[in-house]
Amino acid sequence: MSHSIEEINSYLVAIFREVLDIEEDALRGSNFSDLSVSEMHTIEAIGLYGDHTSSEVAKKLAITAGTLSVAINSLVKKGYVVRQRMENDRRVIKLGLTHKGKLVYRLHEKFHREMVKRTITGMDDEEVDVLLRGLSNLHSFLFELVENIDKRD
């Protein structure tokens, strides 16, 4: 079991670093070189349909509203994001993606879809279910850690 834990940890650490490196390189070498990986993830959290408020996006990203506000200001200035006041309640502002924002969102989504397809290539349904269960366990563990950190702040 100890050998498996070390091997799995090694893969998880390497995969995390590789995904970030690939995302950074892809952005640098594209028409979207003005974006950071962090900004790309903000665009991803806003989503294609522009129906999230700043507080919803901040919660999704596990960042403060102030940190998100700085990122949104930058993304608006770069032409990726728009703020939209709601007609029925002018106090509520929803975040949306511009055409440019939607384009980079779709390219990023395609990379993630291909990564997942490659991960499960050659697996039968039962093996995919085991992988899903392991990823769910990991997600729950990380979520609990974040919740505990939030409670201390």
Protein backbone atom coordinates (compact mmCIF):
# COMPACT_ATOMS: atom_id res chain seq x y z
CA MET A 1 0.00 0.00 0.00
CA SER A 2 2.82 2.44 0.88
CA HIS A 3 4.36 2.04 -2.57
CA SER A 4 0.98 2.77 -4.17
CA ILE A 5 0.51 5.91 -2.07
CA GLU A 6 3.92 7.21 -3.10
CA GLU A 7 3.31 6.41 -6.76
CA ILE A 8 -0.15 7.98 -6.80
CA ASN A 9 1.16 11.08 -5.03
CA SER A 10 3.96 11.34 -7.56
CA TYR A 11 1.46 11.19 -10.43
CA LEU A 12 -0.89 13.73 -8.85
CA VAL A 13 1.89 16.25 -8.21
CA ALA A 14 3.36 15.79 -11.69
CA ILE A 15 -0.05 16.02 -13.39
CA PHE A 16 -0.95 19.20 -11.48
CA ARG A 17 2.30 20.85 -12.52
CA GLU A 18 2.09 19.62 -16.12
CA VAL A 19 -1.47 20.86 -16.61
CA LEU A 20 -0.52 24.31 -15.32
CA ASP A 21 2.62 24.39 -17.48
CA ILE A 22 0.68 23.31 -20.58
CA GLU A 23 -2.03 25.90 -19.94
CA GLU A 24 0.60 28.64 -19.48
CA ASP A 25 2.47 27.63 -22.65
CA ALA A 26 -0.76 27.38 -24.65
CA LEU A 27 -1.80 30.88 -23.58
CA ARG A 28 1.65 32.37 -24.23
CA GLY A 29 1.79 30.91 -27.72
CA SER A 30 -1.73 31.93 -28.73
CA ASN A 31 -3.76 34.99 -29.64
CA PHE A 32 -4.61 35.12 -25.92
CA SER A 33 -1.09 35.72 -24.63
CA ASP A 34 -2.35 38.64 -22.54
CA LEU A 35 -4.11 36.15 -20.21
CA SER A 36 -2.66 34.45 -17.15
CA VAL A 37 -3.74 30.96 -16.12
CA SER A 38 -5.51 32.53 -13.15
CA GLU A 39 -7.47 34.83 -15.48
CA MET A 40 -8.30 31.84 -17.69
CA HIS A 41 -9.74 30.04 -14.69
CA THR A 42 -11.78 33.13 -13.85
CA ILE A 43 -13.20 33.07 -17.39
CA GLU A 44 -13.94 29.37 -16.93
CA ALA A 45 -15.77 30.08 -13.65
CA ILE A 46 -17.90 32.78 -15.29
CA GLY A 47 -18.94 30.30 -17.98
CA LEU A 48 -20.51 30.77 -21.37
CA TYR A 49 -23.93 31.90 -20.26
CA GLY A 50 -23.16 34.94 -18.10
CA ASP A 51 -25.62 34.23 -15.33
CA HIS A 52 -23.31 34.44 -12.31
CA THR A 53 -22.81 37.30 -9.90
CA SER A 54 -19.37 38.27 -8.65
CA SER A 55 -20.00 36.62 -5.30
CA GLU A 56 -20.98 33.34 -7.00
CA VAL A 57 -17.84 33.38 -9.14
CA ALA A 58 -15.64 34.28 -6.14
CA LYS A 59 -17.10 31.37 -4.17
CA LYS A 60 -16.57 29.01 -7.10
CA LEU A 61 -12.91 30.05 -7.27
CA ALA A 62 -12.51 30.11 -3.47
CA ILE A 63 -11.19 33.69 -3.53
CA THR A 64 -12.32 36.91 -1.91
CA ALA A 65 -14.67 39.34 -3.63
CA GLY A 66 -11.86 41.90 -3.64
CA THR A 67 -9.44 39.57 -5.39
CA LEU A 68 -12.09 38.73 -7.96
CA SER A 69 -12.89 42.40 -8.50
CA VAL A 70 -9.25 43.10 -9.44
CA ALA A 71 -9.29 40.15 -11.87
CA ILE A 72 -12.61 41.22 -13.41
CA ASN A 73 -11.38 44.79 -13.89
CA SER A 74 -8.39 43.43 -15.79
CA LEU A 75 -10.50 41.05 -17.89
CA VAL A 76 -12.97 43.84 -18.75
CA LYS A 77 -10.08 46.09 -19.80
CA LYS A 78 -8.63 43.27 -21.97
CA GLY A 79 -12.01 42.68 -23.62
CA TYR A 80 -12.85 39.21 -22.27
CA VAL A 81 -15.58 40.01 -19.73
CA VAL A 82 -18.54 42.37 -19.46
CA ARG A 83 -20.58 43.42 -16.45
CA GLN A 84 -24.34 43.32 -17.06
CA ARG A 85 -26.88 45.08 -14.83
CA MET A 86 -30.09 43.16 -14.42
CA GLU A 87 -33.18 44.92 -15.77
CA ASN A 88 -35.45 43.77 -12.93
CA ASP A 89 -32.96 44.78 -10.21
CA ARG A 90 -30.35 47.35 -11.26
CA ARG A 91 -28.32 46.64 -8.10
CA VAL A 92 -27.50 43.13 -9.32
CA ILE A 93 -24.60 42.80 -11.73
CA LYS A 94 -24.01 39.57 -13.61
CA LEU A 95 -20.73 38.71 -15.27
CA GLY A 96 -20.64 37.62 -18.91
CA LEU A 97 -18.07 36.76 -21.54
CA THR A 98 -17.51 38.77 -24.69
CA HIS A 99 -17.05 37.03 -28.03
CA LYS A 100 -13.30 36.95 -27.32
CA GLY A 101 -13.97 35.52 -23.85
CA LYS A 102 -16.23 32.81 -25.23
CA LEU A 103 -13.63 31.85 -27.82
CA VAL A 104 -10.86 31.35 -25.28
CA TYR A 105 -13.33 29.55 -22.98
CA ARG A 106 -14.14 27.05 -25.73
CA LEU A 107 -10.47 26.44 -26.53
CA HIS A 108 -9.71 25.84 -22.85
CA GLU A 109 -12.73 23.55 -22.52
CA LYS A 110 -11.55 21.55 -25.55
CA PHE A 111 -8.15 20.97 -23.91
CA HIS A 112 -9.83 19.70 -20.74
CA ARG A 113 -12.24 17.47 -22.68
CA GLU A 114 -9.33 15.91 -24.62
CA MET A 115 -7.38 15.42 -21.39
CA VAL A 116 -10.31 13.53 -19.82
CA LYS A 117 -10.91 11.44 -22.95
CA ARG A 118 -7.25 10.44 -22.99
CA THR A 119 -7.37 9.58 -19.29
CA ILE A 120 -10.20 7.07 -19.72
CA THR A 121 -9.04 5.61 -23.04
CA GLY A 122 -8.97 1.82 -22.77
CA MET A 123 -11.00 1.73 -19.56
CA ASP A 124 -14.25 -0.12 -19.22
CA ASP A 125 -17.23 1.39 -17.36
CA GLU A 126 -16.27 -0.26 -14.08
CA GLU A 127 -12.74 1.17 -14.22
CA VAL A 128 -14.12 4.63 -15.00
CA ASP A 129 -16.45 4.28 -11.98
CA VAL A 130 -13.45 3.43 -9.75
CA LEU A 131 -11.55 6.44 -11.08
CA LEU A 132 -14.58 8.65 -10.44
CA ARG A 133 -14.90 7.33 -6.89
CA GLY A 134 -11.21 8.07 -6.21
CA LEU A 135 -11.48 11.57 -7.69
CA SER A 136 -14.64 12.20 -5.67
CA ASN A 137 -12.82 11.13 -2.49
CA LEU A 138 -9.92 13.47 -3.33
CA HIS A 139 -12.32 16.32 -4.07
CA SER A 140 -14.14 15.79 -0.75
CA PHE A 141 -10.84 15.80 1.15
CA LEU A 142 -9.70 19.04 -0.51
CA PHE A 143 -13.12 20.64 0.00
CA GLU A 144 -12.98 19.82 3.73
CA LEU A 145 -9.52 21.40 3.98
CA VAL A 146 -10.74 24.58 2.28
CA GLU A 147 -13.80 24.71 4.54
CA ASN A 148 -11.58 24.39 7.63
CA ILE A 149 -9.29 27.16 6.36
CA ASP A 150 -12.32 29.39 5.71
CA LYS A 151 -13.57 28.79 9.26
CA ARG A 152 -10.24 29.98 10.71
CA ASP A 153 -10.29 33.26 8.76
